[in-house]
């Protein structure tokens, strides 16, 4: 899935952009007080997207 689509999904589910690293972006979920790094690739594979959702404690994204 496209990275931009996935980032919009995270923001829609209450996560906030925290900071940029060299190769990753850090997002934070204040409801669960958890942070996770997101790779800065144009495409994020399904397995990684589902794992990020699980780590942040948000509903797992439905991928078509």
N, C-alpha and C. Protein backbone atom coordinates (compact mmCIF):
# COMPACT_ATOMS: atom_id res chain seq x y z
N UNK A 1 0.83 -1.17 0.00
CA UNK A 1 0.00 0.00 0.00
C UNK A 1 0.88 1.24 0.00
N UNK A 2 0.35 2.32 -0.50
CA UNK A 2 1.10 3.57 -0.57
C UNK A 2 1.31 4.13 0.84
N UNK A 3 2.47 4.69 1.07
CA UNK A 3 2.83 5.23 2.38
C UNK A 3 1.90 6.38 2.77
N UNK A 4 1.57 7.25 1.84
CA UNK A 4 0.70 8.40 2.13
C UNK A 4 -0.69 7.95 2.59
N UNK A 5 -1.22 6.92 1.98
CA UNK A 5 -2.53 6.38 2.36
C UNK A 5 -2.46 5.83 3.78
N UNK A 6 -1.39 5.12 4.09
CA UNK A 6 -1.23 4.54 5.41
C UNK A 6 -1.07 5.62 6.49
N UNK A 7 -0.32 6.67 6.19
CA UNK A 7 -0.15 7.76 7.16
C UNK A 7 -1.47 8.47 7.43
N UNK A 8 -2.28 8.66 6.40
CA UNK A 8 -3.61 9.26 6.59
C UNK A 8 -4.47 8.39 7.49
N UNK A 9 -4.36 7.07 7.33
CA UNK A 9 -5.11 6.13 8.17
C UNK A 9 -4.68 6.25 9.63
N UNK A 10 -3.38 6.38 9.88
CA UNK A 10 -2.89 6.52 11.25
C UNK A 10 -3.42 7.80 11.88
N UNK A 11 -3.37 8.90 11.15
CA UNK A 11 -3.83 10.19 11.67
C UNK A 11 -5.33 10.14 11.94
N UNK A 12 -6.08 9.52 11.05
CA UNK A 12 -7.53 9.38 11.22
C UNK A 12 -7.87 8.60 12.49
N UNK A 13 -7.00 7.69 12.89
CA UNK A 13 -7.24 6.87 14.08
C UNK A 13 -6.58 7.43 15.33
N UNK A 14 -6.25 8.72 15.32
CA UNK A 14 -5.80 9.40 16.52
C UNK A 14 -4.31 9.40 16.79
N UNK A 15 -3.51 8.96 15.84
CA UNK A 15 -2.06 8.95 16.02
C UNK A 15 -1.48 10.28 15.55
N UNK A 16 -0.36 10.66 16.14
CA UNK A 16 0.29 11.92 15.82
C UNK A 16 1.70 11.69 15.30
N UNK A 17 2.09 12.54 14.36
CA UNK A 17 3.47 12.57 13.90
C UNK A 17 4.32 13.08 15.05
N UNK A 18 5.39 12.35 15.39
CA UNK A 18 6.25 12.78 16.49
C UNK A 18 7.53 13.41 15.96
N UNK A 19 8.26 12.69 15.09
CA UNK A 19 9.49 13.26 14.54
C UNK A 19 9.96 12.41 13.37
N UNK A 20 10.92 12.96 12.62
CA UNK A 20 11.55 12.25 11.50
C UNK A 20 12.91 11.75 11.95
N UNK A 21 13.25 10.55 11.52
CA UNK A 21 14.59 10.04 11.71
C UNK A 21 15.29 10.04 10.36
N UNK A 22 16.42 9.35 10.25
CA UNK A 22 17.11 9.30 8.96
C UNK A 22 16.32 8.49 7.94
N UNK A 23 15.87 7.30 8.34
CA UNK A 23 15.18 6.42 7.40
C UNK A 23 13.77 6.05 7.85
N UNK A 24 13.32 6.61 8.98
CA UNK A 24 12.01 6.27 9.51
C UNK A 24 11.30 7.52 10.02
N UNK A 25 9.99 7.41 10.14
CA UNK A 25 9.15 8.43 10.73
C UNK A 25 8.57 7.85 12.00
N UNK A 26 8.51 8.63 13.06
CA UNK A 26 7.99 8.15 14.33
C UNK A 26 6.59 8.69 14.54
N UNK A 27 5.63 7.79 14.81
CA UNK A 27 4.26 8.16 15.11
C UNK A 27 3.93 7.72 16.53
N UNK A 28 3.04 8.48 17.19
CA UNK A 28 2.69 8.26 18.59
C UNK A 28 1.18 8.19 18.75
N UNK A 29 0.71 7.24 19.55
CA UNK A 29 -0.70 7.12 19.86
C UNK A 29 -0.89 7.50 21.33
N UNK A 30 -1.50 8.66 21.61
CA UNK A 30 -1.65 9.10 23.00
C UNK A 30 -2.62 8.25 23.82
N UNK A 31 -3.56 7.57 23.17
CA UNK A 31 -4.51 6.73 23.90
C UNK A 31 -3.84 5.54 24.54
N UNK A 32 -2.88 4.95 23.83
CA UNK A 32 -2.18 3.78 24.35
C UNK A 32 -0.78 4.12 24.85
N UNK A 33 -0.35 5.36 24.64
CA UNK A 33 0.98 5.83 25.04
C UNK A 33 2.09 5.00 24.40
N UNK A 34 1.91 4.67 23.11
CA UNK A 34 2.89 3.87 22.37
C UNK A 34 3.37 4.62 21.15
N UNK A 35 4.64 4.40 20.82
CA UNK A 35 5.25 4.96 19.62
C UNK A 35 5.72 3.84 18.71
N UNK A 36 5.79 4.14 17.43
CA UNK A 36 6.26 3.14 16.47
C UNK A 36 6.95 3.87 15.31
N UNK A 37 7.94 3.20 14.73
CA UNK A 37 8.63 3.77 13.58
C UNK A 37 8.01 3.22 12.30
N UNK A 38 7.92 4.09 11.31
CA UNK A 38 7.36 3.73 10.01
C UNK A 38 8.44 3.96 8.97
N UNK A 39 8.77 2.92 8.18
CA UNK A 39 9.81 3.09 7.17
C UNK A 39 9.42 4.15 6.14
N UNK A 40 10.40 4.84 5.62
CA UNK A 40 10.14 5.90 4.65
C UNK A 40 10.32 5.37 3.23
N UNK A 41 9.56 4.33 2.90
CA UNK A 41 9.54 3.78 1.54
C UNK A 41 8.25 4.25 0.88
N UNK A 42 8.20 4.27 -0.43
CA UNK A 42 6.98 4.70 -1.11
C UNK A 42 5.87 3.66 -0.95
N UNK A 43 6.24 2.40 -0.80
CA UNK A 43 5.28 1.31 -0.59
C UNK A 43 5.58 0.64 0.75
N UNK A 44 4.54 0.37 1.53
CA UNK A 44 4.68 -0.36 2.79
C UNK A 44 3.94 -1.67 2.60
N UNK A 45 4.63 -2.79 2.85
CA UNK A 45 3.98 -4.08 2.60
C UNK A 45 2.90 -4.37 3.63
N UNK A 46 2.01 -5.26 3.30
CA UNK A 46 0.84 -5.59 4.11
C UNK A 46 1.21 -6.04 5.51
N UNK A 47 2.18 -6.92 5.61
CA UNK A 47 2.61 -7.45 6.90
C UNK A 47 3.09 -6.33 7.83
N UNK A 48 3.87 -5.42 7.31
CA UNK A 48 4.39 -4.30 8.10
C UNK A 48 3.26 -3.37 8.53
N UNK A 49 2.34 -3.06 7.64
CA UNK A 49 1.22 -2.16 7.96
C UNK A 49 0.36 -2.75 9.08
N UNK A 50 0.07 -4.04 9.00
CA UNK A 50 -0.74 -4.69 10.03
C UNK A 50 -0.01 -4.71 11.37
N UNK A 51 1.29 -4.96 11.35
CA UNK A 51 2.08 -4.99 12.58
C UNK A 51 2.14 -3.61 13.23
N UNK A 52 2.25 -2.56 12.43
CA UNK A 52 2.29 -1.20 12.96
C UNK A 52 0.95 -0.87 13.64
N UNK A 53 -0.15 -1.23 13.00
CA UNK A 53 -1.48 -1.00 13.59
C UNK A 53 -1.61 -1.73 14.92
N UNK A 54 -1.17 -2.96 14.95
CA UNK A 54 -1.23 -3.76 16.18
C UNK A 54 -0.37 -3.13 17.28
N UNK A 55 0.82 -2.68 16.94
CA UNK A 55 1.72 -2.06 17.91
C UNK A 55 1.14 -0.77 18.48
N UNK A 56 0.44 0.00 17.65
CA UNK A 56 -0.14 1.27 18.11
C UNK A 56 -1.47 1.08 18.82
N UNK A 57 -2.06 -0.11 18.71
CA UNK A 57 -3.33 -0.37 19.38
C UNK A 57 -4.52 0.22 18.65
N UNK A 58 -4.45 0.30 17.32
CA UNK A 58 -5.56 0.81 16.52
C UNK A 58 -6.11 -0.33 15.68
N UNK A 59 -7.33 -0.19 15.13
CA UNK A 59 -7.87 -1.27 14.29
C UNK A 59 -6.95 -1.57 13.10
N UNK A 60 -6.81 -2.83 12.79
CA UNK A 60 -5.95 -3.25 11.68
C UNK A 60 -6.57 -2.80 10.37
N UNK A 61 -5.76 -2.20 9.54
CA UNK A 61 -6.21 -1.64 8.27
C UNK A 61 -6.67 -2.76 7.33
N UNK A 62 -7.77 -2.50 6.65
CA UNK A 62 -8.29 -3.44 5.64
C UNK A 62 -7.60 -3.13 4.33
N UNK A 63 -6.89 -4.11 3.79
CA UNK A 63 -6.15 -3.91 2.55
C UNK A 63 -6.86 -4.67 1.44
N UNK A 64 -7.12 -3.96 0.36
CA UNK A 64 -7.85 -4.54 -0.77
C UNK A 64 -6.95 -5.36 -1.64
